[in-house]
PDB file of N, CA and C in Angstrom:
ATOM      1  N   MET A   1     234.349 135.580 269.671  1.00  0.00           N
ATOM      2  CA  MET A   1     234.432 137.022 269.561  1.00  0.00           C
ATOM      3  C   MET A   1     235.219 137.596 270.734  1.00  0.00           C
ATOM      4  N   ALA A   2     236.080 138.523 270.489  1.00  0.00           N
ATOM      5  CA  ALA A   2     236.839 139.187 271.542  1.00  0.00           C
ATOM      6  C   ALA A   2     235.941 140.185 272.259  1.00  0.00           C
ATOM      7  N   LYS A   3     236.298 140.504 273.513  1.00  0.00           N
ATOM      8  CA  LYS A   3     235.480 141.440 274.297  1.00  0.00           C
ATOM      9  C   LYS A   3     235.327 142.791 273.609  1.00  0.00           C
ATOM     10  N   ARG A   4     236.390 143.286 273.019  1.00  0.00           N
ATOM     11  CA  ARG A   4     236.283 144.601 272.393  1.00  0.00           C
ATOM     12  C   ARG A   4     235.292 144.584 271.240  1.00  0.00           C
ATOM     13  N   GLU A   5     235.119 143.426 270.616  1.00  0.00           N
ATOM     14  CA  GLU A   5     234.126 143.315 269.551  1.00  0.00           C
ATOM     15  C   GLU A   5     232.712 143.314 270.120  1.00  0.00           C
ATOM     16  N   LEU A   6     232.563 142.864 271.369  1.00  0.00           N
ATOM     17  CA  LEU A   6     231.241 142.810 271.987  1.00  0.00           C
ATOM     18  C   LEU A   6     230.836 144.136 272.627  1.00  0.00           C
ATOM     19  N   PHE A   7     231.805 144.995 272.925  1.00  0.00           N
ATOM     20  CA  PHE A   7     231.478 146.281 273.522  1.00  0.00           C
ATOM     21  C   PHE A   7     230.585 147.069 272.560  1.00  0.00           C
ATOM     22  N   GLY A   8     229.513 147.586 273.093  1.00  0.00           N
ATOM     23  CA  GLY A   8     228.571 148.339 272.276  1.00  0.00           C
ATOM     24  C   GLY A   8     227.561 147.462 271.572  1.00  0.00           C
ATOM     25  N   ARG A   9     227.709 146.148 271.720  1.00  0.00           N
ATOM     26  CA  ARG A   9     226.762 145.212 271.101  1.00  0.00           C
ATOM     27  C   ARG A   9     226.130 144.305 272.142  1.00  0.00           C
ATOM     28  N   CYS A  10     226.918 143.875 273.105  1.00  0.00           N
ATOM     29  CA  CYS A  10     226.409 143.001 274.173  1.00  0.00           C
ATOM     30  C   CYS A  10     226.200 143.853 275.429  1.00  0.00           C
ATOM     31  N   PRO A  11     224.992 143.848 275.994  1.00  0.00           N
ATOM     32  CA  PRO A  11     224.738 144.702 277.153  1.00  0.00           C
ATOM     33  C   PRO A  11     225.577 144.337 278.372  1.00  0.00           C
ATOM     34  N   TYR A  12     225.904 143.070 278.556  1.00  0.00           N
ATOM     35  CA  TYR A  12     226.677 142.651 279.729  1.00  0.00           C
ATOM     36  C   TYR A  12     228.132 143.080 279.624  1.00  0.00           C
ATOM     37  N   VAL A  13     228.728 142.881 278.464  1.00  0.00           N
ATOM     38  CA  VAL A  13     230.111 143.307 278.252  1.00  0.00           C
ATOM     39  C   VAL A  13     230.206 144.831 278.300  1.00  0.00           C
ATOM     40  N   THR A  14     229.247 145.505 277.710  1.00  0.00           N
ATOM     41  CA  THR A  14     229.239 146.963 277.715  1.00  0.00           C
ATOM     42  C   THR A  14     229.133 147.488 279.147  1.00  0.00           C
ATOM     43  N   ALA A  15     228.201 146.956 279.921  1.00  0.00           N
ATOM     44  CA  ALA A  15     228.032 147.387 281.312  1.00  0.00           C
ATOM     45  C   ALA A  15     229.293 147.095 282.130  1.00  0.00           C
ATOM     46  N   GLN A  16     229.864 145.930 281.922  1.00  0.00           N
ATOM     47  CA  GLN A  16     231.076 145.568 282.665  1.00  0.00           C
ATOM     48  C   GLN A  16     232.218 146.532 282.346  1.00  0.00           C
ATOM     49  N   LYS A  17     232.356 146.902 281.101  1.00  0.00           N
ATOM     50  CA  LYS A  17     233.415 147.827 280.687  1.00  0.00           C
ATOM     51  C   LYS A  17     233.183 149.219 281.266  1.00  0.00           C
ATOM     52  N   VAL A  18     231.945 149.691 281.211  1.00  0.00           N
ATOM     53  CA  VAL A  18     231.628 151.034 281.680  1.00  0.00           C
ATOM     54  C   VAL A  18     231.781 151.137 283.199  1.00  0.00           C
ATOM     55  N   LEU A  19     231.510 150.059 283.910  1.00  0.00           N
ATOM     56  CA  LEU A  19     231.536 150.077 285.376  1.00  0.00           C
ATOM     57  C   LEU A  19     232.851 149.535 285.943  1.00  0.00           C
ATOM     58  N   THR A  20     233.927 149.667 285.189  1.00  0.00           N
ATOM     59  CA  THR A  20     235.213 149.214 285.712  1.00  0.00           C
ATOM     60  C   THR A  20     235.604 150.090 286.895  1.00  0.00           C
ATOM     61  N   GLY A  21     236.421 149.553 287.739  1.00  0.00           N
ATOM     62  CA  GLY A  21     236.851 150.293 288.919  1.00  0.00           C
ATOM     63  C   GLY A  21     236.195 149.726 290.152  1.00  0.00           C
ATOM     64  N   LYS A  22     237.001 149.550 291.169  1.00  0.00           N
ATOM     65  CA  LYS A  22     236.539 148.923 292.405  1.00  0.00           C
ATOM     66  C   LYS A  22     235.341 149.635 293.033  1.00  0.00           C
ATOM     67  N   TRP A  23     235.296 150.960 292.932  1.00  0.00           N
ATOM     68  CA  TRP A  23     234.282 151.720 293.657  1.00  0.00           C
ATOM     69  C   TRP A  23     233.242 152.381 292.765  1.00  0.00           C
ATOM     70  N   SER A  24     233.197 152.055 291.498  1.00  0.00           N
ATOM     71  CA  SER A  24     232.291 152.756 290.587  1.00  0.00           C
ATOM     72  C   SER A  24     230.829 152.639 291.008  1.00  0.00           C
ATOM     73  N   MET A  25     230.368 151.446 291.335  1.00  0.00           N
ATOM     74  CA  MET A  25     228.957 151.297 291.710  1.00  0.00           C
ATOM     75  C   MET A  25     228.654 151.981 293.034  1.00  0.00           C
ATOM     76  N   PHE A  26     229.586 151.921 293.976  1.00  0.00           N
ATOM     77  CA  PHE A  26     229.353 152.579 295.265  1.00  0.00           C
ATOM     78  C   PHE A  26     229.301 154.093 295.087  1.00  0.00           C
ATOM     79  N   LEU A  27     230.160 154.639 294.247  1.00  0.00           N
ATOM     80  CA  LEU A  27     230.119 156.077 293.978  1.00  0.00           C
ATOM     81  C   LEU A  27     228.802 156.473 293.321  1.00  0.00           C
ATOM     82  N   LEU A  28     228.325 155.667 292.387  1.00  0.00           N
ATOM     83  CA  LEU A  28     227.030 155.949 291.757  1.00  0.00           C
ATOM     84  C   LEU A  28     225.919 155.897 292.799  1.00  0.00           C
ATOM     85  N   HIS A  29     226.020 154.973 293.728  1.00  0.00           N
ATOM     86  CA  HIS A  29     225.042 154.889 294.822  1.00  0.00           C
ATOM     87  C   HIS A  29     225.068 156.168 295.657  1.00  0.00           C
ATOM     88  N   LEU A  30     226.266 156.632 296.026  1.00  0.00           N
ATOM     89  CA  LEU A  30     226.370 157.855 296.820  1.00  0.00           C
ATOM     90  C   LEU A  30     225.791 159.052 296.079  1.00  0.00           C
ATOM     91  N   LEU A  31     226.023 159.115 294.782  1.00  0.00           N
ATOM     92  CA  LEU A  31     225.541 160.244 293.982  1.00  0.00           C
ATOM     93  C   LEU A  31     224.057 160.141 293.653  1.00  0.00           C
ATOM     94  N   SER A  32     223.447 159.008 293.919  1.00  0.00           N
ATOM     95  CA  SER A  32     222.031 158.829 293.575  1.00  0.00           C
ATOM     96  C   SER A  32     221.110 159.706 294.415  1.00  0.00           C
ATOM     97  N   ASP A  33     221.604 160.221 295.535  1.00  0.00           N
ATOM     98  CA  ASP A  33     220.785 161.105 296.379  1.00  0.00           C
ATOM     99  C   ASP A  33     220.913 162.564 295.985  1.00  0.00           C
ATOM    100  N   GLY A  34     221.808 162.877 295.063  1.00  0.00           N
ATOM    101  CA  GLY A  34     221.976 164.263 294.635  1.00  0.00           C
ATOM    102  C   GLY A  34     223.444 164.647 294.584  1.00  0.00           C
ATOM    103  N   PRO A  35     223.721 165.886 294.167  1.00  0.00           N
ATOM    104  CA  PRO A  35     225.102 166.343 294.022  1.00  0.00           C
ATOM    105  C   PRO A  35     225.882 166.279 295.336  1.00  0.00           C
ATOM    106  N   ILE A  36     227.153 165.910 295.233  1.00  0.00           N
ATOM    107  CA  ILE A  36     228.037 165.817 296.399  1.00  0.00           C
ATOM    108  C   ILE A  36     229.390 166.402 296.033  1.00  0.00           C
ATOM    109  N   ARG A  37     229.967 167.102 296.965  1.00  0.00           N
ATOM    110  CA  ARG A  37     231.302 167.665 296.765  1.00  0.00           C
ATOM    111  C   ARG A  37     232.356 166.565 296.931  1.00  0.00           C
ATOM    112  N   PHE A  38     233.514 166.809 296.343  1.00  0.00           N
ATOM    113  CA  PHE A  38     234.602 165.830 296.332  1.00  0.00           C
ATOM    114  C   PHE A  38     234.969 165.364 297.737  1.00  0.00           C
ATOM    115  N   ASN A  39     235.229 166.307 298.649  1.00  0.00           N
ATOM    116  CA  ASN A  39     235.655 165.918 300.000  1.00  0.00           C
ATOM    117  C   ASN A  39     234.593 165.121 300.739  1.00  0.00           C
ATOM    118  N   GLU A  40     233.331 165.427 300.490  1.00  0.00           N
ATOM    119  CA  GLU A  40     232.252 164.660 301.114  1.00  0.00           C
ATOM    120  C   GLU A  40     232.235 163.234 300.573  1.00  0.00           C
ATOM    121  N   LEU A  41     232.449 163.084 299.272  1.00  0.00           N
ATOM    122  CA  LEU A  41     232.538 161.739 298.705  1.00  0.00           C
ATOM    123  C   LEU A  41     233.678 160.964 299.364  1.00  0.00           C
ATOM    124  N   GLN A  42     234.805 161.613 299.516  1.00  0.00           N
ATOM    125  CA  GLN A  42     235.963 160.948 300.116  1.00  0.00           C
ATOM    126  C   GLN A  42     235.659 160.533 301.559  1.00  0.00           C
ATOM    127  N   ARG A  43     234.952 161.360 302.308  1.00  0.00           N
ATOM    128  CA  ARG A  43     234.586 161.015 303.690  1.00  0.00           C
ATOM    129  C   ARG A  43     233.621 159.838 303.752  1.00  0.00           C
ATOM    130  N   ARG A  44     232.758 159.711 302.768  1.00  0.00           N
ATOM    131  CA  ARG A  44     231.731 158.664 302.793  1.00  0.00           C
ATOM    132  C   ARG A  44     232.229 157.302 302.293  1.00  0.00           C
ATOM    133  N   MET A  45     233.426 157.264 301.770  1.00  0.00           N
ATOM    134  CA  MET A  45     233.941 155.996 301.277  1.00  0.00           C
ATOM    135  C   MET A  45     234.190 155.049 302.451  1.00  0.00           C
ATOM    136  N   PRO A  46     233.884 153.759 302.286  1.00  0.00           N
ATOM    137  CA  PRO A  46     234.022 152.814 303.408  1.00  0.00           C
ATOM    138  C   PRO A  46     235.471 152.492 303.758  1.00  0.00           C
ATOM    139  N   GLU A  47     236.391 152.806 302.878  1.00  0.00           N
ATOM    140  CA  GLU A  47     237.809 152.566 303.132  1.00  0.00           C
ATOM    141  C   GLU A  47     238.573 153.848 302.865  1.00  0.00           C
ATOM    142  N   GLU A  48     239.756 153.925 303.456  1.00  0.00           N
ATOM    143  CA  GLU A  48     240.624 155.063 303.155  1.00  0.00           C
ATOM    144  C   GLU A  48     240.918 155.073 301.663  1.00  0.00           C
ATOM    145  N   MET A  49     240.781 156.201 301.074  1.00  0.00           N
ATOM    146  CA  MET A  49     241.038 156.333 299.647  1.00  0.00           C
ATOM    147  C   MET A  49     241.827 157.608 299.425  1.00  0.00           C
ATOM    148  N   THR A  50     242.880 157.492 298.667  1.00  0.00           N
ATOM    149  CA  THR A  50     243.675 158.679 298.397  1.00  0.00           C
ATOM    150  C   THR A  50     242.908 159.614 297.473  1.00  0.00           C
ATOM    151  N   HIS A  51     243.291 160.872 297.521  1.00  0.00           N
ATOM    152  CA  HIS A  51     242.720 161.897 296.647  1.00  0.00           C
ATOM    153  C   HIS A  51     242.873 161.479 295.192  1.00  0.00           C
ATOM    154  N   THR A  52     244.057 160.961 294.849  1.00  0.00           N
ATOM    155  CA  THR A  52     244.354 160.556 293.472  1.00  0.00           C
ATOM    156  C   THR A  52     243.461 159.413 293.014  1.00  0.00           C
ATOM    157  N   THR A  53     243.269 158.417 293.872  1.00  0.00           N
ATOM    158  CA  THR A  53     242.443 157.261 293.500  1.00  0.00           C
ATOM    159  C   THR A  53     241.000 157.675 293.275  1.00  0.00           C
ATOM    160  N   LEU A  54     240.451 158.474 294.184  1.00  0.00           N
ATOM    161  CA  LEU A  54     239.075 158.927 294.028  1.00  0.00           C
ATOM    162  C   LEU A  54     238.946 159.798 292.783  1.00  0.00           C
ATOM    163  N   SER A  55     239.889 160.685 292.587  1.00  0.00           N
ATOM    164  CA  SER A  55     239.867 161.561 291.418  1.00  0.00           C
ATOM    165  C   SER A  55     239.887 160.750 290.128  1.00  0.00           C
ATOM    166  N   ARG A  56     240.717 159.741 290.074  1.00  0.00           N
ATOM    167  CA  ARG A  56     240.819 158.884 288.888  1.00  0.00           C
ATOM    168  C   ARG A  56     239.501 158.146 288.626  1.00  0.00           C
ATOM    169  N   GLN A  57     238.904 157.615 289.695  1.00  0.00           N
ATOM    170  CA  GLN A  57     237.637 156.893 289.546  1.00  0.00           C
ATOM    171  C   GLN A  57     236.532 157.825 289.063  1.00  0.00           C
ATOM    172  N   LEU A  58     236.481 159.034 289.609  1.00  0.00           N
ATOM    173  CA  LEU A  58     235.469 160.007 289.189  1.00  0.00           C
ATOM    174  C   LEU A  58     235.684 160.441 287.738  1.00  0.00           C
ATOM    175  N   LYS A  59     236.934 160.618 287.334  1.00  0.00           N
ATOM    176  CA  LYS A  59     237.225 160.983 285.944  1.00  0.00           C
ATOM    177  C   LYS A  59     236.765 159.895 284.992  1.00  0.00           C
ATOM    178  N   THR A  60     236.974 158.647 285.374  1.00  0.00           N
ATOM    179  CA  THR A  60     236.527 157.535 284.533  1.00  0.00           C
ATOM    180  C   THR A  60     235.015 157.547 284.393  1.00  0.00           C
ATOM    181  N   LEU A  61     234.303 157.717 285.502  1.00  0.00           N
ATOM    182  CA  LEU A  61     232.834 157.765 285.446  1.00  0.00           C
ATOM    183  C   LEU A  61     232.348 158.954 284.617  1.00  0.00           C
ATOM    184  N   GLU A  62     233.081 160.058 284.698  1.00  0.00           N
ATOM    185  CA  GLU A  62     232.729 161.233 283.898  1.00  0.00           C
ATOM    186  C   GLU A  62     232.980 160.963 282.413  1.00  0.00           C
ATOM    187  N   GLN A  63     234.098 160.344 282.083  1.00  0.00           N
ATOM    188  CA  GLN A  63     234.409 160.025 280.684  1.00  0.00           C
ATOM    189  C   GLN A  63     233.398 159.046 280.095  1.00  0.00           C
ATOM    190  N   GLU A  64     232.889 158.144 280.936  1.00  0.00           N
ATOM    191  CA  GLU A  64     231.883 157.179 280.477  1.00  0.00           C
ATOM    192  C   GLU A  64     230.500 157.820 280.377  1.00  0.00           C
ATOM    193  N   GLY A  65     230.372 159.057 280.853  1.00  0.00           N
ATOM    194  CA  GLY A  65     229.105 159.775 280.733  1.00  0.00           C
ATOM    195  C   GLY A  65     228.121 159.518 281.853  1.00  0.00           C
ATOM    196  N   LEU A  66     228.560 158.845 282.929  1.00  0.00           N
ATOM    197  CA  LEU A  66     227.648 158.508 284.016  1.00  0.00           C
ATOM    198  C   LEU A  66     227.491 159.616 285.044  1.00  0.00           C
ATOM    199  N   ILE A  67     228.502 160.478 285.162  1.00  0.00           N
ATOM    200  CA  ILE A  67     228.411 161.574 286.113  1.00  0.00           C
ATOM    201  C   ILE A  67     228.826 162.884 285.440  1.00  0.00           C
ATOM    202  N   ILE A  68     228.439 163.975 286.086  1.00  0.00           N
ATOM    203  CA  ILE A  68     228.788 165.314 285.605  1.00  0.00           C
ATOM    204  C   ILE A  68     229.549 166.028 286.711  1.00  0.00           C
ATOM    205  N   ARG A  69     230.668 166.611 286.334  1.00  0.00           N
ATOM    206  CA  ARG A  69     231.497 167.381 287.261  1.00  0.00           C
ATOM    207  C   ARG A  69     231.221 168.856 287.012  1.00  0.00           C
ATOM    208  N   THR A  70     230.884 169.571 288.086  1.00  0.00           N
ATOM    209  CA  THR A  70     230.634 171.002 287.982  1.00  0.00           C
ATOM    210  C   THR A  70     231.625 171.726 288.884  1.00  0.00           C
ATOM    211  N   GLU A  71     232.400 172.623 288.276  1.00  0.00           N
ATOM    212  CA  GLU A  71     233.380 173.403 289.023  1.00  0.00           C
ATOM    213  C   GLU A  71     232.862 174.827 289.156  1.00  0.00           C
ATOM    214  N   TYR A  72     232.804 175.312 290.391  1.00  0.00           N
ATOM    215  CA  TYR A  72     232.337 176.668 290.664  1.00  0.00           C
ATOM    216  C   TYR A  72     233.550 177.562 290.870  1.00  0.00           C
ATOM    217  N   GLN A  73     233.544 178.706 290.209  1.00  0.00           N
ATOM    218  CA  GLN A  73     234.645 179.662 290.325  1.00  0.00           C
ATOM    219  C   GLN A  73     234.445 180.512 291.571  1.00  0.00           C
ATOM    220  N   GLN A  74     234.963 180.037 292.662  1.00  0.00           N
ATOM    221  CA  GLN A  74     234.860 180.746 293.931  1.00  0.00           C
ATOM    222  C   GLN A  74     236.064 180.393 294.789  1.00  0.00           C
ATOM    223  N   ILE A  75     236.197 181.089 295.887  1.00  0.00           N
ATOM    224  CA  ILE A  75     237.274 180.796 296.828  1.00  0.00           C
ATOM    225  C   ILE A  75     236.621 180.493 298.165  1.00  0.00           C
ATOM    226  N   PRO A  76     236.880 179.338 298.753  1.00  0.00           N
ATOM    227  CA  PRO A  76     237.698 178.248 298.227  1.00  0.00           C
ATOM    228  C   PRO A  76     237.013 177.563 297.050  1.00  0.00           C
ATOM    229  N   PRO A  77     237.803 176.876 296.224  1.00  0.00           N
ATOM    230  CA  PRO A  77     237.233 176.197 295.063  1.00  0.00           C
ATOM    231  C   PRO A  77     236.166 175.176 295.488  1.00  0.00           C
ATOM    232  N   LYS A  78     235.168 175.041 294.657  1.00  0.00           N
ATOM    233  CA  LYS A  78     234.081 174.103 294.940  1.00  0.00           C
ATOM    234  C   LYS A  78     233.834 173.266 293.686  1.00  0.00           C
ATOM    235  N   VAL A  79     233.846 171.946 293.851  1.00  0.00           N
ATOM    236  CA  VAL A  79     233.563 171.022 292.762  1.00  0.00           C
ATOM    237  C   VAL A  79     232.500 170.052 293.252  1.00  0.00           C
ATOM    238  N   GLU A  80     231.461 169.892 292.463  1.00  0.00           N
ATOM    239  CA  GLU A  80     230.386 168.951 292.785  1.00  0.00           C
ATOM    240  C   GLU A  80     230.272 167.911 291.693  1.00  0.00           C
ATOM    241  N   TYR A  81     229.810 166.746 292.095  1.00  0.00           N
ATOM    242  CA  TYR A  81     229.555 165.660 291.161  1.00  0.00           C
ATOM    243  C   TYR A  81     228.102 165.257 291.302  1.00  0.00           C
ATOM    244  N   ARG A  82     227.489 164.930 290.167  1.00  0.00           N
ATOM    245  CA  ARG A  82     226.106 164.456 290.177  1.00  0.00           C
ATOM    246  C   ARG A  82     225.939 163.457 289.043  1.00  0.00           C
ATOM    247  N   LEU A  83     224.872 162.703 289.115  1.00  0.00           N
ATOM    248  CA  LEU A  83     224.588 161.742 288.052  1.00  0.00           C
ATOM    249  C   LEU A  83     224.148 162.479 286.790  1.00  0.00           C
ATOM    250  N   SER A  84     224.570 161.975 285.661  1.00  0.00           N
ATOM    251  CA  SER A  84     224.096 162.487 284.374  1.00  0.00           C
ATOM    252  C   SER A  84     222.730 161.861 284.094  1.00  0.00           C
ATOM    253  N   GLU A  85     222.164 162.185 282.966  1.00  0.00           N
ATOM    254  CA  GLU A  85     220.866 161.605 282.600  1.00  0.00           C
ATOM    255  C   GLU A  85     220.951 160.083 282.515  1.00  0.00           C
ATOM    256  N   ILE A  86     221.984 159.575 281.862  1.00  0.00           N
ATOM    257  CA  ILE A  86     222.133 158.115 281.764  1.00  0.00           C
ATOM    258  C   ILE A  86     222.521 157.529 283.122  1.00  0.00           C
ATOM    259  N   GLY A  87     223.244 158.303 283.935  1.00  0.00           N
ATOM    260  CA  GLY A  87     223.573 157.863 285.294  1.00  0.00           C
ATOM    261  C   GLY A  87     222.330 157.743 286.159  1.00  0.00           C
ATOM    262  N   GLU A  88     221.394 158.669 285.973  1.00  0.00           N
ATOM    263  CA  GLU A  88     220.116 158.605 286.709  1.00  0.00           C
ATOM    264  C   GLU A  88     219.377 157.314 286.400  1.00  0.00           C
ATOM    265  N   LYS A  89     219.465 156.857 285.174  1.00  0.00           N
ATOM    266  CA  LYS A  89     218.795 155.611 284.787  1.00  0.00           C
ATOM    267  C   LYS A  89     219.403 154.404 285.482  1.00  0.00           C
ATOM    268  N   PHE A  90     220.636 154.543 285.942  1.00  0.00           N
ATOM    269  CA  PHE A  90     221.303 153.450 286.646  1.00  0.00           C
ATOM    270  C   PHE A  90     220.732 153.251 288.049  1.00  0.00           C
ATOM    271  N   LYS A  91     219.986 154.225 288.552  1.00  0.00           N
ATOM    272  CA  LYS A  91     219.397 154.102 289.884  1.00  0.00           C
ATOM    273  C   LYS A  91     218.487 152.873 289.975  1.00  0.00           C
ATOM    274  N   LYS A  92     217.823 152.540 288.883  1.00  0.00           N
ATOM    275  CA  LYS A  92     216.970 151.338 288.873  1.00  0.00           C
ATOM    276  C   LYS A  92     217.821 150.088 289.096  1.00  0.00           C
ATOM    277  N   VAL A  93     218.982 150.061 288.463  1.00  0.00           N
ATOM    278  CA  VAL A  93     219.892 148.926 288.610  1.00  0.00           C
ATOM    279  C   VAL A  93     220.400 148.863 290.053  1.00  0.00           C
ATOM    280  N   LEU A  94     220.750 150.023 290.616  1.00  0.00           N
ATOM    281  CA  LEU A  94     221.216 150.060 291.996  1.00  0.00           C
ATOM    282  C   LEU A  94     220.158 149.522 292.956  1.00  0.00           C
ATOM    283  N   SER A  95     218.913 149.843 292.698  1.00  0.00           N
ATOM    284  CA  SER A  95     217.823 149.378 293.547  1.00  0.00           C
ATOM    285  C   SER A  95     217.721 147.851 293.512  1.00  0.00           C
ATOM    286  N   VAL A  96     217.799 147.286 292.333  1.00  0.00           N
ATOM    287  CA  VAL A  96     217.727 145.830 292.195  1.00  0.00           C
ATOM    288  C   VAL A  96     218.969 145.178 292.814  1.00  0.00           C
ATOM    289  N   LEU A  97     220.134 145.785 292.624  1.00  0.00           N
ATOM    290  CA  LEU A  97     221.365 145.268 293.231  1.00  0.00           C
ATOM    291  C   LEU A  97     221.286 145.301 294.755  1.00  0.00           C
ATOM    292  N   GLU A  98     220.648 146.341 295.301  1.00  0.00           N
ATOM    293  CA  GLU A  98     220.487 146.422 296.756  1.00  0.00           C
ATOM    294  C   GLU A  98     219.652 145.250 297.267  1.00  0.00           C
ATOM    295  N   VAL A  99     218.563 144.964 296.586  1.00  0.00           N
ATOM    296  CA  VAL A  99     217.714 143.846 296.990  1.00  0.00           C
ATOM    297  C   VAL A  99     218.506 142.543 296.926  1.00  0.00           C
ATOM    298  N   TRP A 100     219.172 142.307 295.807  1.00  0.00           N
ATOM    299  CA  TRP A 100     219.956 141.086 295.650  1.00  0.00           C
ATOM    300  C   TRP A 100     221.089 141.032 296.677  1.00  0.00           C
ATOM    301  N   GLY A 101     221.767 142.160 296.894  1.00  0.00           N
ATOM    302  CA  GLY A 101     222.860 142.205 297.864  1.00  0.00           C
ATOM    303  C   GLY A 101     222.388 141.843 299.259  1.00  0.00           C
ATOM    304  N   ASN A 102     221.232 142.363 299.662  1.00  0.00           N
ATOM    305  CA  ASN A 102     220.679 142.021 300.972  1.00  0.00           C
ATOM    306  C   ASN A 102     220.306 140.547 301.049  1.00  0.00           C
ATOM    307  N   GLU A 103     219.754 140.003 299.971  1.00  0.00           N
ATOM    308  CA  GLU A 103     219.430 138.577 299.941  1.00  0.00           C
ATOM    309  C   GLU A 103     220.703 137.740 300.038  1.00  0.00           C
ATOM    310  N   TYR A 104     221.746 138.183 299.368  1.00  0.00           N
ATOM    311  CA  TYR A 104     223.006 137.443 299.414  1.00  0.00           C
ATOM    312  C   TYR A 104     223.632 137.521 300.805  1.00  0.00           C
ATOM    313  N   ILE A 105     223.548 138.689 301.449  1.00  0.00           N
ATOM    314  CA  ILE A 105     224.069 138.819 302.816  1.00  0.00           C
ATOM    315  C   ILE A 105     223.347 137.853 303.744  1.00  0.00           C
ATOM    316  N   GLU A 106     222.035 137.760 303.601  1.00  0.00           N
ATOM    317  CA  GLU A 106     221.250 136.831 304.411  1.00  0.00           C
ATOM    318  C   GLU A 106     221.676 135.386 304.135  1.00  0.00           C
ATOM    319  N   TYR A 107     221.821 135.048 302.862  1.00  0.00           N
ATOM    320  CA  TYR A 107     222.290 133.722 302.468  1.00  0.00           C
ATOM    321  C   TYR A 107     223.665 133.442 303.073  1.00  0.00           C
ATOM    322  N   TRP A 108     224.560 134.411 302.954  1.00  0.00           N
ATOM    323  CA  TRP A 108     225.934 134.240 303.436  1.00  0.00           C
ATOM    324  C   TRP A 108     225.968 134.023 304.953  1.00  0.00           C
ATOM    325  N   ASN A 109     225.178 134.832 305.670  1.00  0.00           N
ATOM    326  CA  ASN A 109     225.132 134.691 307.125  1.00  0.00           C
ATOM    327  C   ASN A 109     224.542 133.354 307.539  1.00  0.00           C
ATOM    328  N   THR A 110     223.505 132.906 306.842  1.00  0.00           N
ATOM    329  CA  THR A 110     222.914 131.600 307.127  1.00  0.00           C
ATOM    330  C   THR A 110     223.924 130.499 306.848  1.00  0.00           C
ATOM    331  N   ARG A 111     224.627 130.633 305.768  1.00  0.00           N
ATOM    332  CA  ARG A 111     225.645 129.641 305.390  1.00  0.00           C
ATOM    333  C   ARG A 111     226.759 129.580 306.436  1.00  0.00           C
ATOM    334  N   LYS A 112     227.192 130.747 306.921  1.00  0.00           N
ATOM    335  CA  LYS A 112     228.236 130.782 307.947  1.00  0.00           C
ATOM    336  C   LYS A 112     227.749 130.113 309.235  1.00  0.00           C
ATOM    337  N   GLU A 113     226.473 130.373 309.610  1.00  0.00           N
ATOM    338  CA  GLU A 113     225.911 129.751 310.805  1.00  0.00           C
ATOM    339  C   GLU A 113     225.846 128.239 310.654  1.00  0.00           C
ATOM    340  N   THR A 114     225.472 127.772 309.466  1.00  0.00           N
ATOM    341  CA  THR A 114     225.394 126.352 309.196  1.00  0.00           C
ATOM    342  C   THR A 114     226.779 125.720 309.260  1.00  0.00           C
ATOM    343  N   ASP A 115     227.786 126.403 308.741  1.00  0.00           N
ATOM    344  CA  ASP A 115     229.157 125.900 308.773  1.00  0.00           C
ATOM    345  C   ASP A 115     229.673 125.781 310.205  1.00  0.00           C
ATOM    346  N   VAL A 116     229.276 126.722 311.073  1.00  0.00           N
ATOM    347  CA  VAL A 116     229.708 126.695 312.471  1.00  0.00           C
ATOM    348  C   VAL A 116     229.044 125.535 313.213  1.00  0.00           C
ATOM    349  N   ASP A 117     227.790 125.252 312.884  1.00  0.00           N
ATOM    350  CA  ASP A 117     227.036 124.189 313.554  1.00  0.00           C
ATOM    351  C   ASP A 117     227.537 122.801 313.184  1.00  0.00           C
ATOM    352  N   THR A 118     228.193 122.656 312.048  1.00  0.00           N
ATOM    353  CA  THR A 118     228.628 121.319 311.640  1.00  0.00           C
ATOM    354  C   THR A 118     230.007 120.994 312.111  1.00  0.00           C
TER     355      THR A 118
END
């Protein structure tokens, strides 16, 4: 079966497709604490990211239904992003990924120490 045939039927292929983009999970993590403005998101990114790249990633997450973009009609313009209802449900996944990520970091550091000792 081709991947496109599995989308919407296989949870792993569906999740992989929806979470495309280098920073999608990190952005969802940042938004898990509540609404954040665009410039604040850009400041919190661990690497330099252009306005265009961040905007594109946020648009993709919005199109997938994981986040909601709210534009306020004021001067200066204000745009906030927050998790949607289905995005909120992803917080459970982020929590489990955090635990696994920390375990992997510990494993990786132990492995590096072992490699240095040999």
